[in-house]
PDB file of N, CA and C in Angstrom:
ATOM      1  N   MET A   1      94.982  74.953 149.241  1.00  0.00           N
ATOM      2  CA  MET A   1      94.608  75.137 147.855  1.00  0.00           C
ATOM      3  C   MET A   1      93.833  73.904 147.393  1.00  0.00           C
ATOM      4  N   ASP A   2      92.763  74.135 146.646  1.00  0.00           N
ATOM      5  CA  ASP A   2      92.012  73.051 146.031  1.00  0.00           C
ATOM      6  C   ASP A   2      92.556  72.807 144.630  1.00  0.00           C
ATOM      7  N   VAL A   3      92.699  71.529 144.289  1.00  0.00           N
ATOM      8  CA  VAL A   3      93.267  71.137 142.999  1.00  0.00           C
ATOM      9  C   VAL A   3      92.376  70.068 142.374  1.00  0.00           C
ATOM     10  N   PHE A   4      92.018  70.272 141.107  1.00  0.00           N
ATOM     11  CA  PHE A   4      91.334  69.229 140.351  1.00  0.00           C
ATOM     12  C   PHE A   4      92.407  68.261 139.872  1.00  0.00           C
ATOM     13  N   VAL A   5      92.336  67.008 140.341  1.00  0.00           N
ATOM     14  CA  VAL A   5      93.290  65.974 139.910  1.00  0.00           C
ATOM     15  C   VAL A   5      92.530  64.938 139.098  1.00  0.00           C
ATOM     16  N   TYR A   6      93.168  64.411 138.069  1.00  0.00           N
ATOM     17  CA  TYR A   6      92.499  63.519 137.128  1.00  0.00           C
ATOM     18  C   TYR A   6      93.347  62.320 136.747  1.00  0.00           C
ATOM     19  N   GLY A   7      94.558  62.268 137.180  1.00  0.00           N
ATOM     20  CA  GLY A   7      95.468  61.196 136.775  1.00  0.00           C
ATOM     21  C   GLY A   7      96.016  60.457 137.981  1.00  0.00           C
ATOM     22  N   THR A   8      97.318  60.408 138.075  1.00  0.00           N
ATOM     23  CA  THR A   8      97.969  59.623 139.118  1.00  0.00           C
ATOM     24  C   THR A   8      97.617  60.096 140.522  1.00  0.00           C
ATOM     25  N   LEU A   9      97.346  61.386 140.684  1.00  0.00           N
ATOM     26  CA  LEU A   9      97.055  61.909 142.019  1.00  0.00           C
ATOM     27  C   LEU A   9      95.635  61.618 142.489  1.00  0.00           C
ATOM     28  N   THR A  10      94.821  60.958 141.676  1.00  0.00           N
ATOM     29  CA  THR A  10      93.520  60.497 142.164  1.00  0.00           C
ATOM     30  C   THR A  10      93.695  59.270 143.052  1.00  0.00           C
ATOM     31  N   ASP A  11      94.854  58.647 142.972  1.00  0.00           N
ATOM     32  CA  ASP A  11      95.178  57.469 143.768  1.00  0.00           C
ATOM     33  C   ASP A  11      95.757  57.900 145.112  1.00  0.00           C
ATOM     34  N   GLU A  12      95.116  57.478 146.191  1.00  0.00           N
ATOM     35  CA  GLU A  12      95.542  57.893 147.530  1.00  0.00           C
ATOM     36  C   GLU A  12      96.979  57.472 147.843  1.00  0.00           C
ATOM     37  N   ALA A  13      97.391  56.315 147.381  1.00  0.00           N
ATOM     38  CA  ALA A  13      98.766  55.865 147.640  1.00  0.00           C
ATOM     39  C   ALA A  13      99.773  56.807 146.984  1.00  0.00           C
ATOM     40  N   ARG A  14      99.473  57.287 145.783  1.00  0.00           N
ATOM     41  CA  ARG A  14     100.371  58.224 145.104  1.00  0.00           C
ATOM     42  C   ARG A  14     100.397  59.561 145.848  1.00  0.00           C
ATOM     43  N   ALA A  15      99.208  60.040 146.244  1.00  0.00           N
ATOM     44  CA  ALA A  15      99.143  61.302 146.986  1.00  0.00           C
ATOM     45  C   ALA A  15      99.922  61.196 148.294  1.00  0.00           C
ATOM     46  N   ASP A  16      99.837  60.040 148.984  1.00  0.00           N
ATOM     47  CA  ASP A  16     100.604  59.829 150.217  1.00  0.00           C
ATOM     48  C   ASP A  16     102.104  59.940 149.973  1.00  0.00           C
ATOM     49  N   ALA A  17     102.553  59.456 148.823  1.00  0.00           N
ATOM     50  CA  ALA A  17     103.976  59.487 148.498  1.00  0.00           C
ATOM     51  C   ALA A  17     104.460  60.895 148.152  1.00  0.00           C
ATOM     52  N   VAL A  18     103.559  61.747 147.680  1.00  0.00           N
ATOM     53  CA  VAL A  18     103.934  63.084 147.209  1.00  0.00           C
ATOM     54  C   VAL A  18     103.723  64.155 148.271  1.00  0.00           C
ATOM     55  N   LEU A  19     102.670  64.027 149.062  1.00  0.00           N
ATOM     56  CA  LEU A  19     102.240  65.099 149.962  1.00  0.00           C
ATOM     57  C   LEU A  19     102.257  64.659 151.424  1.00  0.00           C
ATOM     58  N   ASP A  20     102.656  65.585 152.297  1.00  0.00           N
ATOM     59  CA  ASP A  20     102.597  65.301 153.730  1.00  0.00           C
ATOM     60  C   ASP A  20     101.169  65.422 154.250  1.00  0.00           C
ATOM     61  N   GLU A  21     100.470  66.458 153.801  1.00  0.00           N
ATOM     62  CA  GLU A  21      99.103  66.675 154.258  1.00  0.00           C
ATOM     63  C   GLU A  21      98.207  66.992 153.071  1.00  0.00           C
ATOM     64  N   TYR A  22      97.067  66.307 153.023  1.00  0.00           N
ATOM     65  CA  TYR A  22      96.093  66.542 151.952  1.00  0.00           C
ATOM     66  C   TYR A  22      94.788  65.881 152.364  1.00  0.00           C
ATOM     67  N   SER A  23      93.740  66.211 151.671  1.00  0.00           N
ATOM     68  CA  SER A  23      92.466  65.512 151.814  1.00  0.00           C
ATOM     69  C   SER A  23      91.740  65.588 150.478  1.00  0.00           C
ATOM     70  N   TYR A  24      90.886  64.608 150.258  1.00  0.00           N
ATOM     71  CA  TYR A  24      90.045  64.618 149.068  1.00  0.00           C
ATOM     72  C   TYR A  24      88.674  65.173 149.452  1.00  0.00           C
ATOM     73  N   HIS A  25      88.084  65.918 148.555  1.00  0.00           N
ATOM     74  CA  HIS A  25      86.784  66.531 148.817  1.00  0.00           C
ATOM     75  C   HIS A  25      85.795  66.195 147.711  1.00  0.00           C
ATOM     76  N   GLY A  26      85.643  64.939 147.442  1.00  0.00           N
ATOM     77  CA  GLY A  26      84.626  64.482 146.516  1.00  0.00           C
ATOM     78  C   GLY A  26      85.076  64.360 145.074  1.00  0.00           C
ATOM     79  N   ALA A  27      84.198  63.742 144.320  1.00  0.00           N
ATOM     80  CA  ALA A  27      84.419  63.585 142.886  1.00  0.00           C
ATOM     81  C   ALA A  27      84.132  64.910 142.192  1.00  0.00           C
ATOM     82  N   ALA A  28      84.703  65.069 141.012  1.00  0.00           N
ATOM     83  CA  ALA A  28      84.509  66.307 140.259  1.00  0.00           C
ATOM     84  C   ALA A  28      84.563  66.005 138.773  1.00  0.00           C
ATOM     85  N   ARG A  29      83.997  66.932 137.998  1.00  0.00           N
ATOM     86  CA  ARG A  29      84.027  66.829 136.539  1.00  0.00           C
ATOM     87  C   ARG A  29      84.484  68.170 135.982  1.00  0.00           C
ATOM     88  N   LEU A  30      85.416  68.119 135.056  1.00  0.00           N
ATOM     89  CA  LEU A  30      85.929  69.313 134.385  1.00  0.00           C
ATOM     90  C   LEU A  30      85.312  69.376 132.998  1.00  0.00           C
ATOM     91  N   ASP A  31      84.504  70.389 132.751  1.00  0.00           N
ATOM     92  CA  ASP A  31      83.895  70.581 131.437  1.00  0.00           C
ATOM     93  C   ASP A  31      84.754  71.518 130.605  1.00  0.00           C
ATOM     94  N   GLY A  32      85.022  71.114 129.371  1.00  0.00           N
ATOM     95  CA  GLY A  32      85.796  71.927 128.446  1.00  0.00           C
ATOM     96  C   GLY A  32      87.176  71.381 128.147  1.00  0.00           C
ATOM     97  N   LEU A  33      87.605  70.390 128.916  1.00  0.00           N
ATOM     98  CA  LEU A  33      88.875  69.702 128.682  1.00  0.00           C
ATOM     99  C   LEU A  33      88.637  68.213 128.895  1.00  0.00           C
ATOM    100  N   HIS A  34      89.387  67.385 128.179  1.00  0.00           N
ATOM    101  CA  HIS A  34      89.277  65.945 128.366  1.00  0.00           C
ATOM    102  C   HIS A  34      90.658  65.345 128.593  1.00  0.00           C
ATOM    103  N   GLN A  35      90.681  64.193 129.235  1.00  0.00           N
ATOM    104  CA  GLN A  35      91.934  63.520 129.546  1.00  0.00           C
ATOM    105  C   GLN A  35      92.434  62.739 128.347  1.00  0.00           C
ATOM    106  N   VAL A  36      93.718  62.844 128.078  1.00  0.00           N
ATOM    107  CA  VAL A  36      94.386  62.011 127.088  1.00  0.00           C
ATOM    108  C   VAL A  36      95.579  61.358 127.780  1.00  0.00           C
ATOM    109  N   ASP A  37      95.919  60.174 127.325  1.00  0.00           N
ATOM    110  CA  ASP A  37      96.978  59.424 127.980  1.00  0.00           C
ATOM    111  C   ASP A  37      98.212  59.311 127.112  1.00  0.00           C
ATOM    112  N   GLY A  38      99.332  59.432 127.763  1.00  0.00           N
ATOM    113  CA  GLY A  38     100.640  59.216 127.179  1.00  0.00           C
ATOM    114  C   GLY A  38     101.454  58.507 128.240  1.00  0.00           C
ATOM    115  N   GLU A  39     102.711  58.893 128.387  1.00  0.00           N
ATOM    116  CA  GLU A  39     103.508  58.349 129.486  1.00  0.00           C
ATOM    117  C   GLU A  39     102.817  58.668 130.812  1.00  0.00           C
ATOM    118  N   TYR A  40     102.264  59.867 130.893  1.00  0.00           N
ATOM    119  CA  TYR A  40     101.405  60.297 131.998  1.00  0.00           C
ATOM    120  C   TYR A  40     100.196  60.984 131.391  1.00  0.00           C
ATOM    121  N   PRO A  41      99.077  61.028 132.108  1.00  0.00           N
ATOM    122  CA  PRO A  41      97.892  61.680 131.549  1.00  0.00           C
ATOM    123  C   PRO A  41      98.031  63.198 131.520  1.00  0.00           C
ATOM    124  N   THR A  42      97.303  63.809 130.613  1.00  0.00           N
ATOM    125  CA  THR A  42      97.213  65.262 130.553  1.00  0.00           C
ATOM    126  C   THR A  42      95.813  65.626 130.075  1.00  0.00           C
ATOM    127  N   LEU A  43      95.585  66.900 129.898  1.00  0.00           N
ATOM    128  CA  LEU A  43      94.293  67.397 129.440  1.00  0.00           C
ATOM    129  C   LEU A  43      94.443  67.996 128.057  1.00  0.00           C
ATOM    130  N   ALA A  44      93.351  67.951 127.295  1.00  0.00           N
ATOM    131  CA  ALA A  44      93.329  68.509 125.947  1.00  0.00           C
ATOM    132  C   ALA A  44      92.005  69.256 125.759  1.00  0.00           C
ATOM    133  N   PRO A  45      91.966  70.193 124.820  1.00  0.00           N
ATOM    134  CA  PRO A  45      90.752  70.984 124.606  1.00  0.00           C
ATOM    135  C   PRO A  45      89.542  70.127 124.241  1.00  0.00           C
ATOM    136  N   GLY A  46      88.375  70.548 124.763  1.00  0.00           N
ATOM    137  CA  GLY A  46      87.099  69.918 124.441  1.00  0.00           C
ATOM    138  C   GLY A  46      86.748  68.780 125.369  1.00  0.00           C
ATOM    139  N   GLY A  47      85.477  68.456 125.431  1.00  0.00           N
ATOM    140  CA  GLY A  47      85.005  67.298 126.184  1.00  0.00           C
ATOM    141  C   GLY A  47      84.959  67.515 127.679  1.00  0.00           C
ATOM    142  N   THR A  48      85.024  66.404 128.413  1.00  0.00           N
ATOM    143  CA  THR A  48      84.993  66.445 129.872  1.00  0.00           C
ATOM    144  C   THR A  48      86.031  65.482 130.431  1.00  0.00           C
ATOM    145  N   ALA A  49      86.432  65.753 131.663  1.00  0.00           N
ATOM    146  CA  ALA A  49      87.362  64.875 132.374  1.00  0.00           C
ATOM    147  C   ALA A  49      86.825  64.639 133.777  1.00  0.00           C
ATOM    148  N   ASP A  50      86.825  63.391 134.216  1.00  0.00           N
ATOM    149  CA  ASP A  50      86.434  63.057 135.574  1.00  0.00           C
ATOM    150  C   ASP A  50      87.660  63.055 136.466  1.00  0.00           C
ATOM    151  N   GLY A  51      87.465  63.474 137.711  1.00  0.00           N
ATOM    152  CA  GLY A  51      88.568  63.499 138.652  1.00  0.00           C
ATOM    153  C   GLY A  51      88.078  63.681 140.068  1.00  0.00           C
ATOM    154  N   ARG A  52      88.945  64.232 140.896  1.00  0.00           N
ATOM    155  CA  ARG A  52      88.661  64.484 142.306  1.00  0.00           C
ATOM    156  C   ARG A  52      89.188  65.862 142.669  1.00  0.00           C
ATOM    157  N   ILE A  53      88.639  66.400 143.754  1.00  0.00           N
ATOM    158  CA  ILE A  53      89.181  67.637 144.311  1.00  0.00           C
ATOM    159  C   ILE A  53      90.094  67.254 145.467  1.00  0.00           C
ATOM    160  N   LEU A  54      91.342  67.640 145.370  1.00  0.00           N
ATOM    161  CA  LEU A  54      92.341  67.399 146.400  1.00  0.00           C
ATOM    162  C   LEU A  54      92.641  68.743 147.046  1.00  0.00           C
ATOM    163  N   GLN A  55      92.703  68.758 148.365  1.00  0.00           N
ATOM    164  CA  GLN A  55      93.036  69.994 149.066  1.00  0.00           C
ATOM    165  C   GLN A  55      94.356  69.800 149.795  1.00  0.00           C
ATOM    166  N   THR A  56      95.264  70.765 149.600  1.00  0.00           N
ATOM    167  CA  THR A  56      96.571  70.707 150.255  1.00  0.00           C
ATOM    168  C   THR A  56      97.158  72.111 150.339  1.00  0.00           C
ATOM    169  N   GLY A  57      98.015  72.307 151.299  1.00  0.00           N
ATOM    170  CA  GLY A  57      98.768  73.541 151.391  1.00  0.00           C
ATOM    171  C   GLY A  57     100.160  73.388 150.803  1.00  0.00           C
ATOM    172  N   ASP A  58     100.473  72.196 150.329  1.00  0.00           N
ATOM    173  CA  ASP A  58     101.822  71.867 149.857  1.00  0.00           C
ATOM    174  C   ASP A  58     101.927  71.990 148.335  1.00  0.00           C
ATOM    175  N   VAL A  59     101.746  73.202 147.848  1.00  0.00           N
ATOM    176  CA  VAL A  59     101.800  73.451 146.406  1.00  0.00           C
ATOM    177  C   VAL A  59     103.199  73.176 145.853  1.00  0.00           C
ATOM    178  N   GLY A  60     104.214  73.462 146.632  1.00  0.00           N
ATOM    179  CA  GLY A  60     105.584  73.222 146.177  1.00  0.00           C
ATOM    180  C   GLY A  60     105.839  71.762 145.836  1.00  0.00           C
ATOM    181  N   SER A  61     105.324  70.850 146.651  1.00  0.00           N
ATOM    182  CA  SER A  61     105.498  69.422 146.366  1.00  0.00           C
ATOM    183  C   SER A  61     104.721  69.007 145.125  1.00  0.00           C
ATOM    184  N   LEU A  62     103.525  69.561 144.952  1.00  0.00           N
ATOM    185  CA  LEU A  62     102.757  69.263 143.740  1.00  0.00           C
ATOM    186  C   LEU A  62     103.484  69.775 142.503  1.00  0.00           C
ATOM    187  N   ASP A  63     103.971  71.009 142.565  1.00  0.00           N
ATOM    188  CA  ASP A  63     104.705  71.569 141.426  1.00  0.00           C
ATOM    189  C   ASP A  63     105.940  70.740 141.097  1.00  0.00           C
ATOM    190  N   ALA A  64     106.640  70.282 142.132  1.00  0.00           N
ATOM    191  CA  ALA A  64     107.834  69.454 141.902  1.00  0.00           C
ATOM    192  C   ALA A  64     107.435  68.117 141.281  1.00  0.00           C
ATOM    193  N   TYR A  65     106.367  67.503 141.782  1.00  0.00           N
ATOM    194  CA  TYR A  65     105.900  66.224 141.246  1.00  0.00           C
ATOM    195  C   TYR A  65     105.509  66.355 139.780  1.00  0.00           C
ATOM    196  N   GLU A  66     104.896  67.467 139.425  1.00  0.00           N
ATOM    197  CA  GLU A  66     104.441  67.699 138.050  1.00  0.00           C
ATOM    198  C   GLU A  66     105.525  68.338 137.169  1.00  0.00           C
ATOM    199  N   ASN A  67     106.721  68.547 137.703  1.00  0.00           N
ATOM    200  CA  ASN A  67     107.854  69.122 136.964  1.00  0.00           C
ATOM    201  C   ASN A  67     107.504  70.464 136.320  1.00  0.00           C
ATOM    202  N   VAL A  68     106.858  71.325 137.100  1.00  0.00           N
ATOM    203  CA  VAL A  68     106.467  72.643 136.601  1.00  0.00           C
ATOM    204  C   VAL A  68     107.690  73.474 136.214  1.00  0.00           C
ATOM    205  N   ASP A  69     108.736  73.453 137.033  1.00  0.00           N
ATOM    206  CA  ASP A  69     109.928  74.252 136.730  1.00  0.00           C
ATOM    207  C   ASP A  69     110.589  73.847 135.422  1.00  0.00           C
ATOM    208  N   ASP A  70     110.443  72.592 135.048  1.00  0.00           N
ATOM    209  CA  ASP A  70     111.015  72.075 133.800  1.00  0.00           C
ATOM    210  C   ASP A  70     110.057  72.241 132.614  1.00  0.00           C
ATOM    211  N   GLY A  71     108.816  72.700 132.876  1.00  0.00           N
ATOM    212  CA  GLY A  71     107.857  72.919 131.802  1.00  0.00           C
ATOM    213  C   GLY A  71     107.109  71.677 131.346  1.00  0.00           C
ATOM    214  N   LEU A  72     107.235  70.569 132.105  1.00  0.00           N
ATOM    215  CA  LEU A  72     106.506  69.369 131.713  1.00  0.00           C
ATOM    216  C   LEU A  72     105.001  69.591 131.875  1.00  0.00           C
ATOM    217  N   TYR A  73     104.617  70.186 132.992  1.00  0.00           N
ATOM    218  CA  TYR A  73     103.229  70.566 133.260  1.00  0.00           C
ATOM    219  C   TYR A  73     103.190  72.041 133.622  1.00  0.00           C
ATOM    220  N   VAL A  74     102.049  72.653 133.409  1.00  0.00           N
ATOM    221  CA  VAL A  74     101.796  74.011 133.889  1.00  0.00           C
ATOM    222  C   VAL A  74     100.622  73.942 134.863  1.00  0.00           C
ATOM    223  N   ARG A  75     100.721  74.744 135.915  1.00  0.00           N
ATOM    224  CA  ARG A  75      99.607  74.840 136.865  1.00  0.00           C
ATOM    225  C   ARG A  75      98.760  76.029 136.455  1.00  0.00           C
ATOM    226  N   VAL A  76      97.458  75.774 136.271  1.00  0.00           N
ATOM    227  CA  VAL A  76      96.533  76.811 135.841  1.00  0.00           C
ATOM    228  C   VAL A  76      95.340  76.850 136.793  1.00  0.00           C
ATOM    229  N   THR A  77      94.628  77.952 136.769  1.00  0.00           N
ATOM    230  CA  THR A  77      93.436  78.122 137.587  1.00  0.00           C
ATOM    231  C   THR A  77      92.203  77.977 136.714  1.00  0.00           C
ATOM    232  N   VAL A  78      91.221  77.228 137.225  1.00  0.00           N
ATOM    233  CA  VAL A  78      89.984  76.966 136.504  1.00  0.00           C
ATOM    234  C   VAL A  78      88.818  77.346 137.414  1.00  0.00           C
ATOM    235  N   PRO A  79      87.813  78.044 136.882  1.00  0.00           N
ATOM    236  CA  PRO A  79      86.664  78.393 137.722  1.00  0.00           C
ATOM    237  C   PRO A  79      85.822  77.169 138.065  1.00  0.00           C
ATOM    238  N   THR A  80      85.129  77.268 139.197  1.00  0.00           N
ATOM    239  CA  THR A  80      84.200  76.215 139.592  1.00  0.00           C
ATOM    240  C   THR A  80      82.772  76.707 139.382  1.00  0.00           C
ATOM    241  N   ALA A  81      81.850  75.776 139.335  1.00  0.00           N
ATOM    242  CA  ALA A  81      80.447  76.108 139.101  1.00  0.00           C
ATOM    243  C   ALA A  81      79.859  76.977 140.203  1.00  0.00           C
ATOM    244  N   ASP A  82      80.446  76.915 141.412  1.00  0.00           N
ATOM    245  CA  ASP A  82      79.923  77.713 142.519  1.00  0.00           C
ATOM    246  C   ASP A  82      80.602  79.071 142.666  1.00  0.00           C
ATOM    247  N   GLY A  83      81.401  79.452 141.674  1.00  0.00           N
ATOM    248  CA  GLY A  83      82.017  80.775 141.668  1.00  0.00           C
ATOM    249  C   GLY A  83      83.402  80.861 142.271  1.00  0.00           C
ATOM    250  N   ASP A  84      83.929  79.771 142.787  1.00  0.00           N
ATOM    251  CA  ASP A  84      85.296  79.746 143.293  1.00  0.00           C
ATOM    252  C   ASP A  84      86.239  79.335 142.159  1.00  0.00           C
ATOM    253  N   SER A  85      87.406  78.866 142.507  1.00  0.00           N
ATOM    254  CA  SER A  85      88.332  78.356 141.498  1.00  0.00           C
ATOM    255  C   SER A  85      89.186  77.265 142.117  1.00  0.00           C
ATOM    256  N   VAL A  86      89.745  76.437 141.258  1.00  0.00           N
ATOM    257  CA  VAL A  86      90.678  75.386 141.652  1.00  0.00           C
ATOM    258  C   VAL A  86      91.859  75.441 140.700  1.00  0.00           C
ATOM    259  N   ALA A  87      92.942  74.856 141.131  1.00  0.00           N
ATOM    260  CA  ALA A  87      94.097  74.698 140.252  1.00  0.00           C
ATOM    261  C   ALA A  87      93.994  73.336 139.574  1.00  0.00           C
ATOM    262  N   THR A  88      94.663  73.200 138.443  1.00  0.00           N
ATOM    263  CA  THR A  88      94.872  71.895 137.827  1.00  0.00           C
ATOM    264  C   THR A  88      96.174  71.961 137.045  1.00  0.00           C
ATOM    265  N   TYR A  89      96.662  70.812 136.654  1.00  0.00           N
ATOM    266  CA  TYR A  89      97.918  70.728 135.922  1.00  0.00           C
ATOM    267  C   TYR A  89      97.649  70.205 134.516  1.00  0.00           C
ATOM    268  N   VAL A  90      98.246  70.887 133.534  1.00  0.00           N
ATOM    269  CA  VAL A  90      98.116  70.502 132.132  1.00  0.00           C
ATOM    270  C   VAL A  90      99.521  70.216 131.609  1.00  0.00           C
ATOM    271  N   GLY A  91      99.712  69.011 131.076  1.00  0.00           N
ATOM    272  CA  GLY A  91     101.021  68.599 130.597  1.00  0.00           C
ATOM    273  C   GLY A  91     101.216  68.862 129.118  1.00  0.00           C
ATOM    274  N   THR A  92     102.457  69.047 128.748  1.00  0.00           N
ATOM    275  CA  THR A  92     102.838  69.265 127.359  1.00  0.00           C
ATOM    276  C   THR A  92     102.696  67.947 126.600  1.00  0.00           C
ATOM    277  N   PRO A  93     101.737  67.843 125.685  1.00  0.00           N
ATOM    278  CA  PRO A  93     101.457  66.559 125.026  1.00  0.00           C
ATOM    279  C   PRO A  93     102.679  65.918 124.357  1.00  0.00           C
ATOM    280  N   ALA A  94     103.453  66.692 123.640  1.00  0.00           N
ATOM    281  CA  ALA A  94     104.595  66.131 122.922  1.00  0.00           C
ATOM    282  C   ALA A  94     105.623  65.536 123.887  1.00  0.00           C
ATOM    283  N   ARG A  95     105.833  66.178 125.016  1.00  0.00           N
ATOM    284  CA  ARG A  95     106.811  65.682 125.990  1.00  0.00           C
ATOM    285  C   ARG A  95     106.293  64.475 126.763  1.00  0.00           C
ATOM    286  N   LEU A  96     104.973  64.293 126.781  1.00  0.00           N
ATOM    287  CA  LEU A  96     104.380  63.168 127.506  1.00  0.00           C
ATOM    288  C   LEU A  96     104.122  61.971 126.604  1.00  0.00           C
ATOM    289  N   GLY A  97     104.428  62.092 125.319  1.00  0.00           N
ATOM    290  CA  GLY A  97     104.239  60.987 124.395  1.00  0.00           C
ATOM    291  C   GLY A  97     102.780  60.652 124.144  1.00  0.00           C
ATOM    292  N   VAL A  98     101.930  61.668 124.128  1.00  0.00           N
ATOM    293  CA  VAL A  98     100.510  61.457 123.871  1.00  0.00           C
ATOM    294  C   VAL A  98     100.339  60.979 122.436  1.00  0.00           C
ATOM    295  N   ASP A  99      99.632  59.859 122.261  1.00  0.00           N
ATOM    296  CA  ASP A  99      99.455  59.266 120.936  1.00  0.00           C
ATOM    297  C   ASP A  99      98.533  60.078 120.043  1.00  0.00           C
ATOM    298  N   SER A 100      97.443  60.579 120.610  1.00  0.00           N
ATOM    299  CA  SER A 100      96.477  61.309 119.791  1.00  0.00           C
ATOM    300  C   SER A 100      97.000  62.709 119.477  1.00  0.00           C
ATOM    301  N   SER A 101      96.483  63.282 118.436  1.00  0.00           N
ATOM    302  CA  SER A 101      96.879  64.625 118.040  1.00  0.00           C
ATOM    303  C   SER A 101      96.150  65.639 118.923  1.00  0.00           C
ATOM    304  N   VAL A 102      96.901  66.355 119.727  1.00  0.00           N
ATOM    305  CA  VAL A 102      96.341  67.362 120.625  1.00  0.00           C
ATOM    306  C   VAL A 102      96.794  68.728 120.139  1.00  0.00           C
ATOM    307  N   GLU A 103      95.835  69.569 119.835  1.00  0.00           N
ATOM    308  CA  GLU A 103      96.139  70.914 119.360  1.00  0.00           C
ATOM    309  C   GLU A 103      95.600  71.944 120.343  1.00  0.00           C
ATOM    310  N   TRP A 104      96.478  72.744 120.889  1.00  0.00           N
ATOM    311  CA  TRP A 104      96.078  73.900 121.686  1.00  0.00           C
ATOM    312  C   TRP A 104      96.099  75.093 120.755  1.00  0.00           C
ATOM    313  N   PRO A 105      94.960  75.750 120.559  1.00  0.00           N
ATOM    314  CA  PRO A 105      94.878  76.839 119.580  1.00  0.00           C
ATOM    315  C   PRO A 105      95.755  78.025 119.963  1.00  0.00           C
ATOM    316  N   GLY A 106      96.087  78.791 118.950  1.00  0.00           N
ATOM    317  CA  GLY A 106      96.847  80.018 119.176  1.00  0.00           C
ATOM    318  C   GLY A 106      98.305  79.862 118.833  1.00  0.00           C
ATOM    319  N   PHE A 107      99.049  80.876 119.220  1.00  0.00           N
ATOM    320  CA  PHE A 107     100.472  80.938 118.908  1.00  0.00           C
ATOM    321  C   PHE A 107     101.251  81.158 120.193  1.00  0.00           C
ATOM    322  N   GLY A 108     102.525  80.907 120.134  1.00  0.00           N
ATOM    323  CA  GLY A 108     103.383  81.166 121.279  1.00  0.00           C
ATOM    324  C   GLY A 108     103.652  79.917 122.086  1.00  0.00           C
ATOM    325  N   PRO A 109     104.271  80.113 123.246  1.00  0.00           N
ATOM    326  CA  PRO A 109     104.632  78.983 124.101  1.00  0.00           C
ATOM    327  C   PRO A 109     103.402  78.211 124.570  1.00  0.00           C
ATOM    328  N   PHE A 110     103.612  76.952 124.908  1.00  0.00           N
ATOM    329  CA  PHE A 110     102.536  76.069 125.340  1.00  0.00           C
ATOM    330  C   PHE A 110     101.720  76.686 126.480  1.00  0.00           C
ATOM    331  N   GLU A 111     102.388  77.165 127.507  1.00  0.00           N
ATOM    332  CA  GLU A 111     101.678  77.719 128.665  1.00  0.00           C
ATOM    333  C   GLU A 111     100.763  78.872 128.261  1.00  0.00           C
ATOM    334  N   SER A 112     101.218  79.725 127.375  1.00  0.00           N
ATOM    335  CA  SER A 112     100.395  80.852 126.916  1.00  0.00           C
ATOM    336  C   SER A 112      99.163  80.369 126.170  1.00  0.00           C
ATOM    337  N   ARG A 113      99.331  79.363 125.335  1.00  0.00           N
ATOM    338  CA  ARG A 113      98.183  78.832 124.580  1.00  0.00           C
ATOM    339  C   ARG A 113      97.159  78.188 125.509  1.00  0.00           C
ATOM    340  N   VAL A 114      97.628  77.471 126.536  1.00  0.00           N
ATOM    341  CA  VAL A 114      96.709  76.857 127.501  1.00  0.00           C
ATOM    342  C   VAL A 114      95.942  77.946 128.241  1.00  0.00           C
ATOM    343  N   ARG A 115      96.655  78.948 128.751  1.00  0.00           N
ATOM    344  CA  ARG A 115      95.999  80.018 129.509  1.00  0.00           C
ATOM    345  C   ARG A 115      95.008  80.795 128.634  1.00  0.00           C
ATOM    346  N   THR A 116      95.347  81.044 127.388  1.00  0.00           N
ATOM    347  CA  THR A 116      94.442  81.751 126.478  1.00  0.00           C
ATOM    348  C   THR A 116      93.177  80.933 126.256  1.00  0.00           C
ATOM    349  N   TYR A 117      93.326  79.632 126.039  1.00  0.00           N
ATOM    350  CA  TYR A 117      92.165  78.761 125.841  1.00  0.00           C
ATOM    351  C   TYR A 117      91.265  78.773 127.076  1.00  0.00           C
ATOM    352  N   LEU A 118      91.865  78.663 128.248  1.00  0.00           N
ATOM    353  CA  LEU A 118      91.082  78.645 129.483  1.00  0.00           C
ATOM    354  C   LEU A 118      90.361  79.963 129.705  1.00  0.00           C
ATOM    355  N   ASP A 119      90.999  81.066 129.358  1.00  0.00           N
ATOM    356  CA  ASP A 119      90.374  82.386 129.514  1.00  0.00           C
ATOM    357  C   ASP A 119      89.247  82.600 128.512  1.00  0.00           C
ATOM    358  N   ARG A 120      89.387  82.031 127.335  1.00  0.00           N
ATOM    359  CA  ARG A 120      88.470  82.293 126.228  1.00  0.00           C
ATOM    360  C   ARG A 120      87.262  81.368 126.210  1.00  0.00           C
ATOM    361  N   ASP A 121      87.430  80.138 126.609  1.00  0.00           N
ATOM    362  CA  ASP A 121      86.361  79.151 126.499  1.00  0.00           C
ATOM    363  C   ASP A 121      85.677  78.940 127.846  1.00  0.00           C
ATOM    364  N   ASN A 122      84.547  78.298 127.814  1.00  0.00           N
ATOM    365  CA  ASN A 122      83.741  78.079 129.010  1.00  0.00           C
ATOM    366  C   ASN A 122      84.212  76.815 129.726  1.00  0.00           C
ATOM    367  N   ILE A 123      85.308  76.932 130.450  1.00  0.00           N
ATOM    368  CA  ILE A 123      85.892  75.821 131.180  1.00  0.00           C
ATOM    369  C   ILE A 123      85.423  75.946 132.631  1.00  0.00           C
ATOM    370  N   VAL A 124      84.893  74.868 133.200  1.00  0.00           N
ATOM    371  CA  VAL A 124      84.393  74.939 134.573  1.00  0.00           C
ATOM    372  C   VAL A 124      84.474  73.571 135.243  1.00  0.00           C
ATOM    373  N   VAL A 125      84.740  73.578 136.545  1.00  0.00           N
ATOM    374  CA  VAL A 125      84.778  72.358 137.340  1.00  0.00           C
ATOM    375  C   VAL A 125      83.505  72.273 138.172  1.00  0.00           C
ATOM    376  N   HIS A 126      82.863  71.109 138.093  1.00  0.00           N
ATOM    377  CA  HIS A 126      81.679  70.802 138.900  1.00  0.00           C
ATOM    378  C   HIS A 126      82.089  69.792 139.951  1.00  0.00           C
ATOM    379  N   SER A 127      81.836  70.115 141.214  1.00  0.00           N
ATOM    380  CA  SER A 127      82.209  69.230 142.314  1.00  0.00           C
ATOM    381  C   SER A 127      80.974  68.572 142.899  1.00  0.00           C
ATOM    382  N   ASP A 128      81.120  67.306 143.299  1.00  0.00           N
ATOM    383  CA  ASP A 128      80.023  66.579 143.937  1.00  0.00           C
ATOM    384  C   ASP A 128      79.868  66.942 145.407  1.00  0.00           C
ATOM    385  N   GLU A 129      80.791  67.722 145.949  1.00  0.00           N
ATOM    386  CA  GLU A 129      80.702  68.069 147.371  1.00  0.00           C
ATOM    387  C   GLU A 129      79.848  69.277 147.598  1.00  0.00           C
TER     388      GLU A 129
END
């Protein structure tokens, strides 16, 4: 699976600690979301975020690292400029202590609002590879 990473997992030492097997496949830019920082980084609507494409078959370890089961982050799919897709993780701003005001439009649970925004807006990942 290809994953757009923009925070701690852009660091090879961190990826080594989390994953048994992975590789990086170039720099990437995510249009339509931007990085905001709290205790850990997350994404927010609008702007752009720079990152890398990480490839791994170990989705379970990534989900555990991002605390998906606990709802800290959600794993979502984002289209790429070449017609494929990648996964990325979006964290719950309030739980991550994000200082800036981050508003995900819509109603309902956080994950639903993120998925609705991604489906509705022109979100795309551009890879340098």
